[in-house]
Every structure is written in structure tokens, then in C-alpha cells.
């Protein structure tokens, strides 16, 4: 045969891998995004369970990345604390949920290897924020669904527009030491997409505060991108490329939810500061 292939298998062109990776990312998103939206629409205990399981999965990946002796003891203690906190949050006993997370942090610090104690505690706080923030936003009976969908839209628009604008425009790197592929053009494109997504959700819901909601979208987009960079820094700290391989094209749950946990946490804080625990969604959206 005139065109022989290497013994290791068919050759792959440099452009083939990115296209294949993009196809996997799209396929995974077409499954995960509708699932997240469906649980948000249903609300209640199904929504709480969805984010409780996600939080435990993220914590398991966190402990796998940070490693060290006694990793399984840390994972078990943190998962138990997160499960208890999720049950309490589902009952809207948020103070008790925070206490459960605090106790979980203390236990994880106590049982972790001496050189990894801080990482065990930080992991519980990180995963706990992932669980509590969306649950508290969604619990608002009037604006909860709109608020959580708005946060989804902002984060997804940031990711999608940031990816494509960054690839098409290129330019200076955003944080080359942490994430070499991210550019300033992608960051700005993602922020612009976040504003458009937020305003589209607000218009559909009949909420007319475009200036302030646009500003909130920019803030959440910036926070989302910062969360992505922080997770990349943690992985580099431990020499890991992906948190796991549970999601084709995305890596692990941490890789998929790093921006969301940061944006949802800030959104929940804004909502709680303005609307209290009973109307966090209203506090985020109504100005």
C-alpha cells in the first residue's frame, strides 16, 4: 500500500483533536444542560438532590486531586456533611446547613494528612457553596426559577462566547501561567454574551431593569471566569489536567462547574443581601 499508517494506529491531524473535543463537549452539554433546566423547573427535593449529588461528586474529585494519606477518610467525612447540609437546606434550615458544613470542615481538617489539612476544609466549603447557592436562589417561590435560569444563562453564555471569540480573535493571554488558552478577547466576548443572555431572560420574564441587570451579568461573568482560573490553578498546583473523566469532552464535575459555583455563590449573596432568605431570587433580579 502506498499510504502506510504508523503501527500505533491512524495518524491524527493537529486540527482533528480540537474538533473531536468540541464535538464531545457539545454532545455532553446537550445532555447536561436540559437535565439542569429540568430539575430547576421541577424544583423542590429533586432540585436539592441534584445539587447535593453534584456537590458530593465535586468534593470527591477535590480530594482525589489534593490526594495525600487518609484521602478516603476525608472524602467520607465531607460527603456525610454535604448530605446532611443538603437535607437541611431542602427544609430551608440554612443556618443549620451552614453549621453542618462547618462541622464537616473541622472533621476533614482533623482526619486529613498533616500537609493537606487546609485542602480538606476548603473542599467542603467549595462543594457546600455549589449545593447551597442554587438551592437558596431556587427556593424563592416567585422569582426562584427565573433567577437560577438567569445564572445558568450567564455562565453558559460566558463559556460559549468566550470559547469561540477567543479562538477566532485570539490576542493577548488572560492568565498564561494558569490557563494558556484563555485570552482577553475571549473574556470580553464572554462578558458581552453574558449581558445579552441576562437581558434576554429578563425580557422574557417581564423584568425591566436593563442597566443594573447588565451590570450584574458582567459581575457574574467575571466571577465565573475567575472561578475557572482558580480551578485551573488548583489543578496545576497538584499536576492534574482534568478533575476526572466522568464527562466526555469536559473532564470532571469540577471542570464543568468551576465557573458556576463562583457565579452562583455571588448571585446568592446579592440576592440574600437584598431579599433575605425567603426572596433571594427577587433580591437578585428586582431593582
C-alpha atoms as a PDB file:
ATOM      1  CA  UNK A   1       0.000   0.000   0.000  1.00  0.00           C
ATOM      2  CA  UNK A   2       1.291   3.428  -0.901  1.00  0.00           C
ATOM      3  CA  UNK A   3      -0.031   5.258   2.213  1.00  0.00           C
ATOM      4  CA  UNK A   4       1.051   3.287   5.239  1.00  0.00           C
ATOM      5  CA  UNK A   5      -0.071   4.324   8.701  1.00  0.00           C
ATOM      6  CA  UNK A   6       2.082   4.163  11.809  1.00  0.00           C
ATOM      7  CA  UNK A   7       1.960   0.908  13.722  1.00  0.00           C
ATOM      8  CA  UNK A   8       0.309   2.646  16.692  1.00  0.00           C
ATOM      9  CA  UNK A   9      -2.856   3.398  14.680  1.00  0.00           C
ATOM     10  CA  UNK A  10      -4.194   6.019  12.294  1.00  0.00           C
ATOM     11  CA  UNK A  11      -2.482   9.356  12.270  1.00  0.00           C
ATOM     12  CA  UNK A  12      -4.387  12.271  13.689  1.00  0.00           C
ATOM     13  CA  UNK A  13      -4.021  15.748  12.253  1.00  0.00           C
ATOM     14  CA  UNK A  14      -3.449  18.633  14.701  1.00  0.00           C
ATOM     15  CA  UNK A  15      -6.896  20.036  13.896  1.00  0.00           C
ATOM     16  CA  UNK A  16      -8.675  16.711  14.411  1.00  0.00           C
ATOM     17  CA  UNK A  17      -8.255  16.584  18.187  1.00  0.00           C
ATOM     18  CA  UNK A  18      -9.791  20.029  18.867  1.00  0.00           C
ATOM     19  CA  UNK A  19     -12.726  19.256  16.555  1.00  0.00           C
ATOM     20  CA  UNK A  20     -13.260  15.896  18.265  1.00  0.00           C
ATOM     21  CA  UNK A  21     -13.031  17.525  21.686  1.00  0.00           C
ATOM     22  CA  UNK A  22     -15.538  20.197  20.659  1.00  0.00           C
ATOM     23  CA  UNK A  23     -17.954  17.541  19.416  1.00  0.00           C
ATOM     24  CA  UNK A  24     -17.734  15.723  22.757  1.00  0.00           C
ATOM     25  CA  UNK A  25     -18.269  18.981  24.648  1.00  0.00           C
ATOM     26  CA  UNK A  26     -21.347  19.796  22.573  1.00  0.00           C
ATOM     27  CA  UNK A  27     -22.776  16.302  22.961  1.00  0.00           C
ATOM     28  CA  UNK A  28     -22.253  16.340  26.735  1.00  0.00           C
ATOM     29  CA  UNK A  29     -23.798  19.800  27.017  1.00  0.00           C
ATOM     30  CA  UNK A  30     -26.873  18.679  25.080  1.00  0.00           C
ATOM     31  CA  UNK A  31     -27.459  16.134  27.845  1.00  0.00           C
ATOM     32  CA  UNK A  32     -26.394  18.098  30.927  1.00  0.00           C
ATOM     33  CA  UNK A  33     -27.985  21.475  30.153  1.00  0.00           C
ATOM     34  CA  UNK A  34     -31.537  20.114  29.664  1.00  0.00           C
ATOM     35  CA  UNK A  35     -31.116  17.998  32.803  1.00  0.00           C
ATOM     36  CA  UNK A  36     -30.119  21.048  34.857  1.00  0.00           C
ATOM     37  CA  UNK A  37     -33.014  23.056  33.420  1.00  0.00           C
ATOM     38  CA  UNK A  38     -35.500  20.239  34.010  1.00  0.00           C
ATOM     39  CA  UNK A  39     -34.551  19.871  37.679  1.00  0.00           C
ATOM     40  CA  UNK A  40     -34.717  23.651  38.072  1.00  0.00           C
ATOM     41  CA  UNK A  41     -38.199  23.678  36.559  1.00  0.00           C
ATOM     42  CA  UNK A  42     -39.422  20.900  38.859  1.00  0.00           C
ATOM     43  CA  UNK A  43     -37.706  22.410  41.905  1.00  0.00           C
ATOM     44  CA  UNK A  44     -38.280  21.005  45.379  1.00  0.00           C
ATOM     45  CA  UNK A  45     -36.421  17.952  46.586  1.00  0.00           C
ATOM     46  CA  UNK A  46     -35.447  16.858  43.078  1.00  0.00           C
ATOM     47  CA  UNK A  47     -33.526  20.101  42.620  1.00  0.00           C
ATOM     48  CA  UNK A  48     -31.963  19.771  46.074  1.00  0.00           C
ATOM     49  CA  UNK A  49     -30.950  16.165  45.377  1.00  0.00           C
ATOM     50  CA  UNK A  50     -29.460  17.112  42.006  1.00  0.00           C
ATOM     51  CA  UNK A  51     -27.145  19.708  43.533  1.00  0.00           C
ATOM     52  CA  UNK A  52     -26.474  17.627  46.614  1.00  0.00           C
ATOM     53  CA  UNK A  53     -25.194  14.767  44.464  1.00  0.00           C
ATOM     54  CA  UNK A  54     -23.220  17.224  42.312  1.00  0.00           C
ATOM     55  CA  UNK A  55     -21.615  18.708  45.433  1.00  0.00           C
ATOM     56  CA  UNK A  56     -20.591  15.295  46.765  1.00  0.00           C
ATOM     57  CA  UNK A  57     -19.156  14.409  43.347  1.00  0.00           C
ATOM     58  CA  UNK A  58     -17.185  17.650  43.223  1.00  0.00           C
ATOM     59  CA  UNK A  59     -15.841  17.040  46.726  1.00  0.00           C
ATOM     60  CA  UNK A  60     -14.753  13.526  45.771  1.00  0.00           C
ATOM     61  CA  UNK A  61     -12.849  14.973  42.805  1.00  0.00           C
ATOM     62  CA  UNK A  62     -11.361  17.657  45.037  1.00  0.00           C
ATOM     63  CA  UNK A  63      -9.975  15.086  47.465  1.00  0.00           C
ATOM     64  CA  UNK A  64      -8.717  12.969  44.569  1.00  0.00           C
ATOM     65  CA  UNK A  65      -6.814  15.965  43.207  1.00  0.00           C
ATOM     66  CA  UNK A  66      -5.391  17.086  46.544  1.00  0.00           C
ATOM     67  CA  UNK A  67      -4.522  13.472  47.371  1.00  0.00           C
ATOM     68  CA  UNK A  68      -2.465  12.657  50.424  1.00  0.00           C
ATOM     69  CA  UNK A  69      -2.818   9.948  53.020  1.00  0.00           C
ATOM     70  CA  UNK A  70      -6.245   9.330  54.558  1.00  0.00           C
ATOM     71  CA  UNK A  71      -7.948  10.657  51.431  1.00  0.00           C
ATOM     72  CA  UNK A  72     -10.856   8.250  51.782  1.00  0.00           C
ATOM     73  CA  UNK A  73     -11.489   9.291  55.371  1.00  0.00           C
ATOM     74  CA  UNK A  74     -11.635  12.926  54.241  1.00  0.00           C
ATOM     75  CA  UNK A  75     -13.952  12.039  51.367  1.00  0.00           C
ATOM     76  CA  UNK A  76     -16.326  10.092  53.618  1.00  0.00           C
ATOM     77  CA  UNK A  77     -16.458  12.816  56.273  1.00  0.00           C
ATOM     78  CA  UNK A  78     -17.011  15.595  53.746  1.00  0.00           C
ATOM     79  CA  UNK A  79     -19.649  13.650  51.812  1.00  0.00           C
ATOM     80  CA  UNK A  80     -21.578  12.969  55.019  1.00  0.00           C
ATOM     81  CA  UNK A  81     -21.507  16.658  55.944  1.00  0.00           C
ATOM     82  CA  UNK A  82     -22.666  17.659  52.477  1.00  0.00           C
ATOM     83  CA  UNK A  83     -25.524  15.144  52.509  1.00  0.00           C
ATOM     84  CA  UNK A  84     -26.733  16.379  55.897  1.00  0.00           C
ATOM     85  CA  UNK A  85     -26.417  20.002  54.786  1.00  0.00           C
ATOM     86  CA  UNK A  86     -28.415  19.265  51.627  1.00  0.00           C
ATOM     87  CA  UNK A  87     -31.253  17.704  53.653  1.00  0.00           C
ATOM     88  CA  UNK A  88     -31.317  20.716  55.962  1.00  0.00           C
ATOM     89  CA  UNK A  89     -31.196  23.142  53.033  1.00  0.00           C
ATOM     90  CA  UNK A  90     -34.121  21.311  51.436  1.00  0.00           C
ATOM     91  CA  UNK A  91     -36.056  22.097  54.606  1.00  0.00           C
ATOM     92  CA  UNK A  92     -34.891  25.728  54.292  1.00  0.00           C
ATOM     93  CA  UNK A  93     -32.928  25.381  57.517  1.00  0.00           C
ATOM     94  CA  UNK A  94     -29.974  27.218  56.058  1.00  0.00           C
ATOM     95  CA  UNK A  95     -28.358  28.148  59.364  1.00  0.00           C
ATOM     96  CA  UNK A  96     -28.301  24.501  60.394  1.00  0.00           C
ATOM     97  CA  UNK A  97     -26.937  23.572  56.952  1.00  0.00           C
ATOM     98  CA  UNK A  98     -24.059  26.017  57.426  1.00  0.00           C
ATOM     99  CA  UNK A  99     -23.355  24.529  60.854  1.00  0.00           C
ATOM    100  CA  UNK A 100     -23.252  21.032  59.322  1.00  0.00           C
ATOM    101  CA  UNK A 101     -20.786  22.247  56.708  1.00  0.00           C
ATOM    102  CA  UNK A 102     -18.689  23.930  59.388  1.00  0.00           C
ATOM    103  CA  UNK A 103     -18.535  20.732  61.415  1.00  0.00           C
ATOM    104  CA  UNK A 104     -17.641  18.836  58.239  1.00  0.00           C
ATOM    105  CA  UNK A 105     -14.776  21.241  57.566  1.00  0.00           C
ATOM    106  CA  UNK A 106     -13.430  20.739  61.095  1.00  0.00           C
ATOM    107  CA  UNK A 107     -13.631  16.947  60.839  1.00  0.00           C
ATOM    108  CA  UNK A 108     -11.971  16.911  57.420  1.00  0.00           C
ATOM    109  CA  UNK A 109      -9.145  19.084  58.717  1.00  0.00           C
ATOM    110  CA  UNK A 110      -8.737  16.736  61.685  1.00  0.00           C
ATOM    111  CA  UNK A 111      -8.610  13.481  59.697  1.00  0.00           C
ATOM    112  CA  UNK A 112      -6.581  14.723  56.714  1.00  0.00           C
ATOM    113  CA  UNK A 113      -2.867  14.178  56.329  1.00  0.00           C
ATOM    114  CA  UNK A 114      -0.855  16.851  58.126  1.00  0.00           C
ATOM    115  CA  UNK A 115       0.294  18.522  54.925  1.00  0.00           C
ATOM    116  CA  UNK A 116      -3.212  18.511  53.355  1.00  0.00           C
ATOM    117  CA  UNK A 117      -5.424  19.694  56.210  1.00  0.00           C
ATOM    118  CA  UNK A 118      -6.310  23.048  54.674  1.00  0.00           C
ATOM    119  CA  UNK A 119      -7.327  21.380  51.410  1.00  0.00           C
ATOM    120  CA  UNK A 120      -9.826  19.110  53.132  1.00  0.00           C
ATOM    121  CA  UNK A 121     -11.540  22.043  54.802  1.00  0.00           C
ATOM    122  CA  UNK A 122     -11.532  24.188  51.670  1.00  0.00           C
ATOM    123  CA  UNK A 123     -13.054  21.327  49.689  1.00  0.00           C
ATOM    124  CA  UNK A 124     -16.093  21.136  51.980  1.00  0.00           C
ATOM    125  CA  UNK A 125     -16.588  24.913  51.719  1.00  0.00           C
ATOM    126  CA  UNK A 126     -16.275  24.820  47.922  1.00  0.00           C
ATOM    127  CA  UNK A 127     -18.673  21.917  47.431  1.00  0.00           C
ATOM    128  CA  UNK A 128     -21.029  23.322  50.051  1.00  0.00           C
ATOM    129  CA  UNK A 129     -21.266  26.597  48.145  1.00  0.00           C
ATOM    130  CA  UNK A 130     -22.098  24.639  44.993  1.00  0.00           C
ATOM    131  CA  UNK A 131     -25.008  22.994  46.779  1.00  0.00           C
ATOM    132  CA  UNK A 132     -26.339  25.875  48.895  1.00  0.00           C
ATOM    133  CA  UNK A 133     -26.217  28.754  46.402  1.00  0.00           C
ATOM    134  CA  UNK A 134     -28.561  27.351  43.727  1.00  0.00           C
ATOM    135  CA  UNK A 135     -30.885  25.825  46.342  1.00  0.00           C
ATOM    136  CA  UNK A 136     -31.288  29.161  48.139  1.00  0.00           C
ATOM    137  CA  UNK A 137     -31.908  31.035  44.891  1.00  0.00           C
ATOM    138  CA  UNK A 138     -34.442  28.488  43.637  1.00  0.00           C
ATOM    139  CA  UNK A 139     -36.319  28.465  46.949  1.00  0.00           C
ATOM    140  CA  UNK A 140     -37.800  31.907  46.191  1.00  0.00           C
ATOM    141  CA  UNK A 141     -41.408  30.991  45.256  1.00  0.00           C
ATOM    142  CA  UNK A 142     -41.900  33.989  42.949  1.00  0.00           C
ATOM    143  CA  UNK A 143     -38.540  34.551  41.238  1.00  0.00           C
ATOM    144  CA  UNK A 144     -36.509  31.456  42.084  1.00  0.00           C
ATOM    145  CA  UNK A 145     -36.849  29.716  38.733  1.00  0.00           C
ATOM    146  CA  UNK A 146     -36.101  32.876  36.751  1.00  0.00           C
ATOM    147  CA  UNK A 147     -33.096  33.645  38.949  1.00  0.00           C
ATOM    148  CA  UNK A 148     -31.458  30.227  38.607  1.00  0.00           C
ATOM    149  CA  UNK A 149     -32.116  30.109  34.857  1.00  0.00           C
ATOM    150  CA  UNK A 150     -30.553  33.580  34.578  1.00  0.00           C
ATOM    151  CA  UNK A 151     -27.423  32.356  36.370  1.00  0.00           C
ATOM    152  CA  UNK A 152     -27.291  29.293  34.099  1.00  0.00           C
ATOM    153  CA  UNK A 153     -27.633  31.538  31.044  1.00  0.00           C
ATOM    154  CA  UNK A 154     -24.904  33.926  32.170  1.00  0.00           C
ATOM    155  CA  UNK A 155     -22.415  31.136  32.883  1.00  0.00           C
ATOM    156  CA  UNK A 156     -23.190  29.205  29.702  1.00  0.00           C
ATOM    157  CA  UNK A 157     -23.045  32.328  27.522  1.00  0.00           C
ATOM    158  CA  UNK A 158     -19.717  33.251  29.127  1.00  0.00           C
ATOM    159  CA  UNK A 159     -18.300  29.806  28.358  1.00  0.00           C
ATOM    160  CA  UNK A 160     -19.630  29.571  24.803  1.00  0.00           C
ATOM    161  CA  UNK A 161     -18.866  33.105  23.622  1.00  0.00           C
ATOM    162  CA  UNK A 162     -15.545  33.112  25.444  1.00  0.00           C
ATOM    163  CA  UNK A 163     -14.527  29.898  23.694  1.00  0.00           C
ATOM    164  CA  UNK A 164     -15.472  30.945  20.186  1.00  0.00           C
ATOM    165  CA  UNK A 165     -14.403  34.594  20.374  1.00  0.00           C
ATOM    166  CA  UNK A 166     -11.105  33.538  21.889  1.00  0.00           C
ATOM    167  CA  UNK A 167     -10.462  31.058  19.098  1.00  0.00           C
ATOM    168  CA  UNK A 168     -11.478  33.432  16.307  1.00  0.00           C
ATOM    169  CA  UNK A 169      -9.953  36.683  17.574  1.00  0.00           C
ATOM    170  CA  UNK A 170      -7.083  35.427  19.704  1.00  0.00           C
ATOM    171  CA  UNK A 171      -4.723  38.065  21.048  1.00  0.00           C
ATOM    172  CA  UNK A 172      -3.069  38.578  24.437  1.00  0.00           C
ATOM    173  CA  UNK A 173      -3.412  35.829  27.011  1.00  0.00           C
ATOM    174  CA  UNK A 174      -5.638  36.388  30.021  1.00  0.00           C
ATOM    175  CA  UNK A 175      -3.578  34.351  32.502  1.00  0.00           C
ATOM    176  CA  UNK A 176      -0.932  32.424  30.598  1.00  0.00           C
ATOM    177  CA  UNK A 177       0.681  30.924  33.703  1.00  0.00           C
ATOM    178  CA  UNK A 178      -2.594  29.324  34.795  1.00  0.00           C
ATOM    179  CA  UNK A 179      -4.623  28.755  31.616  1.00  0.00           C
ATOM    180  CA  UNK A 180      -2.588  29.268  28.423  1.00  0.00           C
ATOM    181  CA  UNK A 181      -5.567  29.055  26.039  1.00  0.00           C
ATOM    182  CA  UNK A 182      -7.666  31.849  27.563  1.00  0.00           C
ATOM    183  CA  UNK A 183      -7.417  35.294  26.006  1.00  0.00           C
ATOM    184  CA  UNK A 184      -8.611  38.790  26.846  1.00  0.00           C
ATOM    185  CA  UNK A 185     -10.730  38.775  23.696  1.00  0.00           C
ATOM    186  CA  UNK A 186     -12.452  35.605  24.868  1.00  0.00           C
ATOM    187  CA  UNK A 187     -13.034  37.114  28.314  1.00  0.00           C
ATOM    188  CA  UNK A 188     -14.610  40.241  26.831  1.00  0.00           C
ATOM    189  CA  UNK A 189     -16.655  38.193  24.367  1.00  0.00           C
ATOM    190  CA  UNK A 190     -17.891  36.004  27.206  1.00  0.00           C
ATOM    191  CA  UNK A 191     -18.907  39.045  29.255  1.00  0.00           C
ATOM    192  CA  UNK A 192     -20.797  40.505  26.291  1.00  0.00           C
ATOM    193  CA  UNK A 193     -22.585  37.197  25.794  1.00  0.00           C
ATOM    194  CA  UNK A 194     -23.477  37.125  29.492  1.00  0.00           C
ATOM    195  CA  UNK A 195     -25.122  40.563  29.247  1.00  0.00           C
ATOM    196  CA  UNK A 196     -27.175  39.507  26.227  1.00  0.00           C
ATOM    197  CA  UNK A 197     -28.234  36.282  27.949  1.00  0.00           C
ATOM    198  CA  UNK A 198     -29.268  38.054  31.143  1.00  0.00           C
ATOM    199  CA  UNK A 199     -31.267  40.698  29.278  1.00  0.00           C
ATOM    200  CA  UNK A 200     -32.984  38.041  27.158  1.00  0.00           C
ATOM    201  CA  UNK A 201     -34.075  36.112  30.269  1.00  0.00           C
ATOM    202  CA  UNK A 202     -35.221  39.322  31.954  1.00  0.00           C
ATOM    203  CA  UNK A 203     -37.213  40.433  28.900  1.00  0.00           C
ATOM    204  CA  UNK A 204     -38.900  37.036  28.648  1.00  0.00           C
ATOM    205  CA  UNK A 205     -39.820  37.234  32.347  1.00  0.00           C
ATOM    206  CA  UNK A 206     -41.102  40.798  32.029  1.00  0.00           C
ATOM    207  CA  UNK A 207     -38.365  42.286  34.229  1.00  0.00           C
ATOM    208  CA  UNK A 208     -37.247  45.725  33.052  1.00  0.00           C
ATOM    209  CA  UNK A 209     -34.037  46.758  34.787  1.00  0.00           C
ATOM    210  CA  UNK A 210     -31.588  46.543  31.867  1.00  0.00           C
ATOM    211  CA  UNK A 211     -28.801  48.748  33.207  1.00  0.00           C
ATOM    212  CA  UNK A 212     -28.462  47.106  36.608  1.00  0.00           C
ATOM    213  CA  UNK A 213     -29.097  43.595  35.312  1.00  0.00           C
ATOM    214  CA  UNK A 214     -26.476  44.148  32.621  1.00  0.00           C
ATOM    215  CA  UNK A 215     -24.008  45.199  35.309  1.00  0.00           C
ATOM    216  CA  UNK A 216     -24.871  42.139  37.392  1.00  0.00           C
ATOM    217  CA  UNK A 217     -24.322  39.955  34.325  1.00  0.00           C
ATOM    218  CA  UNK A 218     -20.847  41.443  33.847  1.00  0.00           C
ATOM    219  CA  UNK A 219     -20.019  40.855  37.514  1.00  0.00           C
ATOM    220  CA  UNK A 220     -21.210  37.251  37.383  1.00  0.00           C
ATOM    221  CA  UNK A 221     -19.349  36.658  34.119  1.00  0.00           C
ATOM    222  CA  UNK A 222     -16.098  37.994  35.583  1.00  0.00           C
ATOM    223  CA  UNK A 223     -16.593  35.914  38.731  1.00  0.00           C
ATOM    224  CA  UNK A 224     -17.372  32.848  36.626  1.00  0.00           C
ATOM    225  CA  UNK A 225     -14.151  33.273  34.654  1.00  0.00           C
ATOM    226  CA  UNK A 226     -12.209  33.841  37.868  1.00  0.00           C
ATOM    227  CA  UNK A 227     -13.641  30.597  39.244  1.00  0.00           C
ATOM    228  CA  UNK A 228     -12.474  28.798  36.123  1.00  0.00           C
ATOM    229  CA  UNK A 229      -8.970  30.206  36.533  1.00  0.00           C
ATOM    230  CA  UNK A 230      -8.861  29.317  40.229  1.00  0.00           C
ATOM    231  CA  UNK A 231      -9.752  25.712  39.466  1.00  0.00           C
ATOM    232  CA  UNK A 232      -7.052  25.634  36.788  1.00  0.00           C
ATOM    233  CA  UNK A 233      -4.551  26.957  39.340  1.00  0.00           C
ATOM    234  CA  UNK A 234      -5.505  24.227  41.809  1.00  0.00           C
ATOM    235  CA  UNK A 235      -5.070  21.527  39.163  1.00  0.00           C
ATOM    236  CA  UNK A 236      -1.680  22.959  38.194  1.00  0.00           C
ATOM    237  CA  UNK A 237      -0.698  23.043  41.859  1.00  0.00           C
ATOM    238  CA  UNK A 238      -1.204  19.263  42.001  1.00  0.00           C
ATOM    239  CA  UNK A 239      -0.099  18.478  38.432  1.00  0.00           C
ATOM    240  CA  UNK A 240      -3.528  17.352  37.214  1.00  0.00           C
ATOM    241  CA  UNK A 241      -5.025  18.060  33.785  1.00  0.00           C
ATOM    242  CA  UNK A 242      -8.666  17.133  34.486  1.00  0.00           C
ATOM    243  CA  UNK A 243     -10.501  16.658  37.780  1.00  0.00           C
ATOM    244  CA  UNK A 244     -11.754  13.304  36.427  1.00  0.00           C
ATOM    245  CA  UNK A 245     -13.069  11.840  33.176  1.00  0.00           C
ATOM    246  CA  UNK A 246     -16.711  11.454  34.115  1.00  0.00           C
ATOM    247  CA  UNK A 247     -17.999  13.925  31.485  1.00  0.00           C
ATOM    248  CA  UNK A 248     -16.779  13.327  27.900  1.00  0.00           C
ATOM    249  CA  UNK A 249     -15.087  16.413  26.483  1.00  0.00           C
ATOM    250  CA  UNK A 250     -15.261  18.291  29.783  1.00  0.00           C
ATOM    251  CA  UNK A 251     -13.285  16.161  32.226  1.00  0.00           C
ATOM    252  CA  UNK A 252     -14.830  16.124  35.669  1.00  0.00           C
ATOM    253  CA  UNK A 253     -17.658  17.814  37.512  1.00  0.00           C
ATOM    254  CA  UNK A 254     -15.231  20.412  38.837  1.00  0.00           C
ATOM    255  CA  UNK A 255     -14.138  21.206  35.292  1.00  0.00           C
ATOM    256  CA  UNK A 256     -17.753  21.726  34.253  1.00  0.00           C
ATOM    257  CA  UNK A 257     -18.978  23.574  37.345  1.00  0.00           C
ATOM    258  CA  UNK A 258     -15.981  25.703  38.331  1.00  0.00           C
ATOM    259  CA  UNK A 259     -17.438  28.880  36.857  1.00  0.00           C
ATOM    260  CA  UNK A 260     -20.968  28.119  38.009  1.00  0.00           C
ATOM    261  CA  UNK A 261     -20.090  27.637  41.664  1.00  0.00           C
ATOM    262  CA  UNK A 262     -18.392  31.049  41.757  1.00  0.00           C
ATOM    263  CA  UNK A 263     -21.153  32.872  39.852  1.00  0.00           C
ATOM    264  CA  UNK A 264     -23.996  31.185  41.751  1.00  0.00           C
ATOM    265  CA  UNK A 265     -22.352  31.972  45.086  1.00  0.00           C
ATOM    266  CA  UNK A 266     -22.057  35.681  44.271  1.00  0.00           C
ATOM    267  CA  UNK A 267     -25.593  35.730  42.827  1.00  0.00           C
ATOM    268  CA  UNK A 268     -26.932  34.138  46.017  1.00  0.00           C
ATOM    269  CA  UNK A 269     -25.066  36.641  48.193  1.00  0.00           C
ATOM    270  CA  UNK A 270     -26.524  39.550  46.206  1.00  0.00           C
ATOM    271  CA  UNK A 271     -29.997  38.030  46.423  1.00  0.00           C
ATOM    272  CA  UNK A 272     -29.738  37.325  50.143  1.00  0.00           C
ATOM    273  CA  UNK A 273     -28.412  40.805  50.905  1.00  0.00           C
ATOM    274  CA  UNK A 274     -31.373  42.422  49.156  1.00  0.00           C
ATOM    275  CA  UNK A 275     -34.209  39.913  49.512  1.00  0.00           C
ATOM    276  CA  UNK A 276     -33.344  37.798  52.543  1.00  0.00           C
ATOM    277  CA  UNK A 277     -33.549  34.014  52.749  1.00  0.00           C
ATOM    278  CA  UNK A 278     -37.180  33.936  51.583  1.00  0.00           C
ATOM    279  CA  UNK A 279     -36.702  36.038  48.432  1.00  0.00           C
ATOM    280  CA  UNK A 280     -33.133  35.645  47.217  1.00  0.00           C
ATOM    281  CA  UNK A 281     -34.269  35.354  43.590  1.00  0.00           C
ATOM    282  CA  UNK A 282     -36.227  38.580  43.849  1.00  0.00           C
ATOM    283  CA  UNK A 283     -33.273  40.290  45.507  1.00  0.00           C
ATOM    284  CA  UNK A 284     -31.041  39.338  42.595  1.00  0.00           C
ATOM    285  CA  UNK A 285     -33.384  40.389  39.790  1.00  0.00           C
ATOM    286  CA  UNK A 286     -35.676  43.154  41.020  1.00  0.00           C
ATOM    287  CA  UNK A 287     -34.103  46.595  41.420  1.00  0.00           C
END
